[in-house]
Amino acid sequence: MGTMNISLPESLKAFVDERVASGRYGTSSEYVRELIRKDQARQHLRGLLVEGLESPTSGPADESFWAAKRKALGKALALRRRT
C-alpha cells in the first residue's frame, strides 16, 4: 500500500478527527479511504447515468415496460440465489 501525505486546514482536520473519535473509523486513513471509495462509486454511477441519457429510447415507460423489468429482475435475482 502506498503512502500519501495531505495537508488540511485546521477546520477540516478537526472534522476528520471528530469522525475518527466517533468510533466508526479506526484512523483518519480509514475515513479518507471510505470517502475516496464513495467518490469512485459516484463517478461510476454518473457515467452510467450519462450513458443512459445518451442511449436511444426503446419506447414509452408504461406499465408493460415496468412489468417486463420486474420480471427480468426476478429472474436475475433467482439465478443469483442459486450461485
N, C-alpha and C. Protein backbone atom coordinates (compact mmCIF):
# COMPACT_ATOMS: atom_id res chain seq x y z
N MET A 1 0.85 -1.17 0.00
CA MET A 1 0.00 0.00 0.00
C MET A 1 0.89 1.23 0.00
N GLY A 2 0.56 2.18 -0.85
CA GLY A 2 1.33 3.42 -0.94
C GLY A 2 0.96 4.38 0.17
N THR A 3 1.82 5.34 0.36
CA THR A 3 1.60 6.36 1.39
C THR A 3 1.42 7.70 0.72
N MET A 4 0.48 8.50 1.24
CA MET A 4 0.24 9.84 0.72
C MET A 4 0.03 10.77 1.91
N ASN A 5 0.77 11.84 1.94
CA ASN A 5 0.59 12.83 2.99
C ASN A 5 -0.24 13.98 2.42
N ILE A 6 -1.24 14.41 3.17
CA ILE A 6 -2.06 15.53 2.72
C ILE A 6 -2.07 16.61 3.78
N SER A 7 -2.24 17.83 3.33
CA SER A 7 -2.35 18.97 4.25
C SER A 7 -3.79 19.43 4.27
N LEU A 8 -4.30 19.67 5.47
CA LEU A 8 -5.68 20.13 5.63
C LEU A 8 -5.70 21.38 6.47
N PRO A 9 -6.63 22.27 6.17
CA PRO A 9 -6.82 23.40 7.09
C PRO A 9 -7.26 22.84 8.44
N GLU A 10 -7.03 23.57 9.49
CA GLU A 10 -7.32 23.09 10.84
C GLU A 10 -8.79 22.68 10.99
N SER A 11 -9.70 23.41 10.37
CA SER A 11 -11.12 23.08 10.50
C SER A 11 -11.43 21.71 9.89
N LEU A 12 -10.82 21.37 8.75
CA LEU A 12 -11.04 20.06 8.15
C LEU A 12 -10.37 18.96 8.96
N LYS A 13 -9.18 19.24 9.47
CA LYS A 13 -8.50 18.25 10.31
C LYS A 13 -9.34 17.95 11.55
N ALA A 14 -9.91 18.98 12.14
CA ALA A 14 -10.75 18.78 13.33
C ALA A 14 -11.97 17.93 12.98
N PHE A 15 -12.53 18.17 11.80
CA PHE A 15 -13.69 17.38 11.38
C PHE A 15 -13.32 15.91 11.22
N VAL A 16 -12.20 15.64 10.57
CA VAL A 16 -11.73 14.26 10.39
C VAL A 16 -11.48 13.63 11.76
N ASP A 17 -10.83 14.37 12.65
CA ASP A 17 -10.56 13.85 13.99
C ASP A 17 -11.86 13.51 14.72
N GLU A 18 -12.90 14.34 14.55
CA GLU A 18 -14.20 14.05 15.17
C GLU A 18 -14.79 12.76 14.62
N ARG A 19 -14.68 12.56 13.31
CA ARG A 19 -15.22 11.35 12.69
C ARG A 19 -14.51 10.11 13.24
N VAL A 20 -13.20 10.19 13.40
CA VAL A 20 -12.44 9.07 13.95
C VAL A 20 -12.81 8.85 15.41
N ALA A 21 -12.93 9.94 16.16
CA ALA A 21 -13.27 9.84 17.59
C ALA A 21 -14.66 9.26 17.81
N SER A 22 -15.53 9.36 16.80
CA SER A 22 -16.89 8.82 16.94
C SER A 22 -16.88 7.30 17.04
N GLY A 23 -15.77 6.69 16.67
CA GLY A 23 -15.64 5.24 16.78
C GLY A 23 -15.94 4.48 15.51
N ARG A 24 -16.47 5.14 14.51
CA ARG A 24 -16.79 4.44 13.26
C ARG A 24 -15.53 4.11 12.46
N TYR A 25 -14.52 4.94 12.61
CA TYR A 25 -13.26 4.75 11.89
C TYR A 25 -12.13 4.60 12.88
N GLY A 26 -11.20 3.70 12.57
CA GLY A 26 -10.08 3.49 13.47
C GLY A 26 -9.00 4.54 13.31
N THR A 27 -8.87 5.05 12.08
CA THR A 27 -7.83 6.04 11.79
C THR A 27 -8.35 7.03 10.76
N SER A 28 -7.64 8.12 10.64
CA SER A 28 -8.01 9.10 9.62
C SER A 28 -7.83 8.50 8.23
N SER A 29 -6.88 7.61 8.07
CA SER A 29 -6.68 6.95 6.77
C SER A 29 -7.90 6.13 6.37
N GLU A 30 -8.51 5.42 7.33
CA GLU A 30 -9.72 4.65 7.03
C GLU A 30 -10.84 5.58 6.56
N TYR A 31 -10.97 6.72 7.22
CA TYR A 31 -12.01 7.68 6.85
C TYR A 31 -11.78 8.19 5.43
N VAL A 32 -10.55 8.58 5.13
CA VAL A 32 -10.24 9.10 3.80
C VAL A 32 -10.43 8.02 2.73
N ARG A 33 -10.03 6.79 3.02
CA ARG A 33 -10.24 5.70 2.05
C ARG A 33 -11.72 5.52 1.74
N GLU A 34 -12.57 5.58 2.79
CA GLU A 34 -14.01 5.43 2.55
C GLU A 34 -14.54 6.57 1.69
N LEU A 35 -14.09 7.80 1.95
CA LEU A 35 -14.52 8.93 1.13
C LEU A 35 -14.13 8.73 -0.33
N ILE A 36 -12.93 8.23 -0.56
CA ILE A 36 -12.46 8.01 -1.93
C ILE A 36 -13.29 6.92 -2.60
N ARG A 37 -13.58 5.84 -1.88
CA ARG A 37 -14.41 4.77 -2.45
C ARG A 37 -15.80 5.28 -2.80
N LYS A 38 -16.38 6.10 -1.93
CA LYS A 38 -17.70 6.67 -2.21
C LYS A 38 -17.64 7.58 -3.44
N ASP A 39 -16.58 8.34 -3.57
CA ASP A 39 -16.44 9.20 -4.74
C ASP A 39 -16.30 8.37 -6.01
N GLN A 40 -15.54 7.26 -5.93
CA GLN A 40 -15.42 6.37 -7.09
C GLN A 40 -16.79 5.82 -7.48
N ALA A 41 -17.58 5.42 -6.49
CA ALA A 41 -18.91 4.88 -6.77
C ALA A 41 -19.79 5.95 -7.41
N ARG A 42 -19.71 7.19 -6.91
CA ARG A 42 -20.49 8.29 -7.50
C ARG A 42 -20.08 8.53 -8.94
N GLN A 43 -18.78 8.50 -9.21
CA GLN A 43 -18.31 8.71 -10.58
C GLN A 43 -18.81 7.59 -11.50
N HIS A 44 -18.79 6.36 -11.01
CA HIS A 44 -19.29 5.23 -11.80
C HIS A 44 -20.77 5.42 -12.10
N LEU A 45 -21.55 5.77 -11.07
CA LEU A 45 -22.98 5.99 -11.26
C LEU A 45 -23.23 7.12 -12.24
N ARG A 46 -22.49 8.19 -12.11
CA ARG A 46 -22.63 9.33 -13.02
C ARG A 46 -22.39 8.87 -14.46
N GLY A 47 -21.36 8.05 -14.65
CA GLY A 47 -21.08 7.54 -16.00
C GLY A 47 -22.22 6.70 -16.54
N LEU A 48 -22.81 5.87 -15.67
CA LEU A 48 -23.95 5.05 -16.10
C LEU A 48 -25.14 5.92 -16.46
N LEU A 49 -25.37 6.97 -15.67
CA LEU A 49 -26.48 7.87 -15.96
C LEU A 49 -26.29 8.60 -17.29
N VAL A 50 -25.09 9.07 -17.53
CA VAL A 50 -24.80 9.75 -18.80
C VAL A 50 -24.97 8.77 -19.96
N GLU A 51 -24.47 7.55 -19.78
CA GLU A 51 -24.62 6.52 -20.81
C GLU A 51 -26.11 6.27 -21.10
N GLY A 52 -26.91 6.21 -20.06
CA GLY A 52 -28.34 6.00 -20.24
C GLY A 52 -29.00 7.17 -20.94
N LEU A 53 -28.61 8.38 -20.57
CA LEU A 53 -29.18 9.56 -21.21
C LEU A 53 -28.82 9.65 -22.69
N GLU A 54 -27.63 9.18 -23.03
CA GLU A 54 -27.17 9.25 -24.41
C GLU A 54 -27.65 8.08 -25.26
N SER A 55 -28.22 7.06 -24.64
CA SER A 55 -28.66 5.89 -25.39
C SER A 55 -30.03 6.17 -26.02
N PRO A 56 -30.33 5.48 -27.11
CA PRO A 56 -31.63 5.68 -27.75
C PRO A 56 -32.75 5.12 -26.88
N THR A 57 -33.90 5.73 -26.98
CA THR A 57 -35.04 5.23 -26.21
C THR A 57 -35.62 4.00 -26.90
N SER A 58 -36.21 3.14 -26.10
CA SER A 58 -36.77 1.91 -26.65
C SER A 58 -38.29 1.95 -26.67
N GLY A 59 -38.88 3.06 -26.30
CA GLY A 59 -40.32 3.19 -26.28
C GLY A 59 -40.77 3.79 -24.97
N PRO A 60 -42.06 3.91 -24.78
CA PRO A 60 -42.57 4.53 -23.56
C PRO A 60 -42.37 3.64 -22.33
N ALA A 61 -42.17 4.27 -21.19
CA ALA A 61 -42.03 3.54 -19.94
C ALA A 61 -43.41 3.39 -19.31
N ASP A 62 -44.23 2.57 -19.95
CA ASP A 62 -45.59 2.35 -19.46
C ASP A 62 -45.63 1.11 -18.57
N GLU A 63 -46.81 0.68 -18.17
CA GLU A 63 -46.94 -0.45 -17.25
C GLU A 63 -46.32 -1.72 -17.81
N SER A 64 -46.46 -1.99 -19.10
CA SER A 64 -45.88 -3.21 -19.67
C SER A 64 -44.35 -3.16 -19.64
N PHE A 65 -43.79 -1.98 -19.83
CA PHE A 65 -42.34 -1.81 -19.75
C PHE A 65 -41.85 -2.19 -18.35
N TRP A 66 -42.52 -1.63 -17.31
CA TRP A 66 -42.10 -1.90 -15.93
C TRP A 66 -42.38 -3.34 -15.52
N ALA A 67 -43.44 -3.93 -16.04
CA ALA A 67 -43.73 -5.34 -15.75
C ALA A 67 -42.62 -6.22 -16.30
N ALA A 68 -42.15 -5.92 -17.50
CA ALA A 68 -41.05 -6.69 -18.09
C ALA A 68 -39.77 -6.52 -17.27
N LYS A 69 -39.52 -5.29 -16.80
CA LYS A 69 -38.33 -5.04 -15.98
C LYS A 69 -38.40 -5.82 -14.66
N ARG A 70 -39.58 -5.83 -14.01
CA ARG A 70 -39.74 -6.57 -12.76
C ARG A 70 -39.52 -8.07 -12.99
N LYS A 71 -40.04 -8.58 -14.10
CA LYS A 71 -39.88 -10.00 -14.42
C LYS A 71 -38.40 -10.34 -14.64
N ALA A 72 -37.70 -9.50 -15.39
CA ALA A 72 -36.27 -9.73 -15.64
C ALA A 72 -35.47 -9.66 -14.35
N LEU A 73 -35.82 -8.71 -13.49
CA LEU A 73 -35.12 -8.59 -12.20
C LEU A 73 -35.37 -9.81 -11.35
N GLY A 74 -36.60 -10.30 -11.33
CA GLY A 74 -36.93 -11.50 -10.56
C GLY A 74 -36.12 -12.70 -11.02
N LYS A 75 -35.98 -12.85 -12.34
CA LYS A 75 -35.19 -13.96 -12.89
C LYS A 75 -33.72 -13.80 -12.50
N ALA A 76 -33.20 -12.59 -12.60
CA ALA A 76 -31.80 -12.35 -12.27
C ALA A 76 -31.53 -12.64 -10.80
N LEU A 77 -32.43 -12.22 -9.93
CA LEU A 77 -32.26 -12.49 -8.50
C LEU A 77 -32.34 -13.98 -8.19
N ALA A 78 -33.25 -14.68 -8.87
CA ALA A 78 -33.37 -16.13 -8.66
C ALA A 78 -32.09 -16.83 -9.08
N LEU A 79 -31.52 -16.43 -10.22
CA LEU A 79 -30.26 -17.04 -10.67
C LEU A 79 -29.13 -16.73 -9.69
N ARG A 80 -29.12 -15.54 -9.18
CA ARG A 80 -28.06 -15.15 -8.23
C ARG A 80 -28.14 -15.96 -6.95
N ARG A 81 -29.35 -16.25 -6.49
CA ARG A 81 -29.51 -17.03 -5.26
C ARG A 81 -29.01 -18.45 -5.44
N ARG A 82 -29.09 -18.97 -6.64
CA ARG A 82 -28.66 -20.35 -6.91
C ARG A 82 -27.14 -20.50 -6.91
N THR A 83 -26.44 -19.41 -7.16
CA THR A 83 -24.97 -19.50 -7.25
C THR A 83 -24.32 -19.20 -5.94
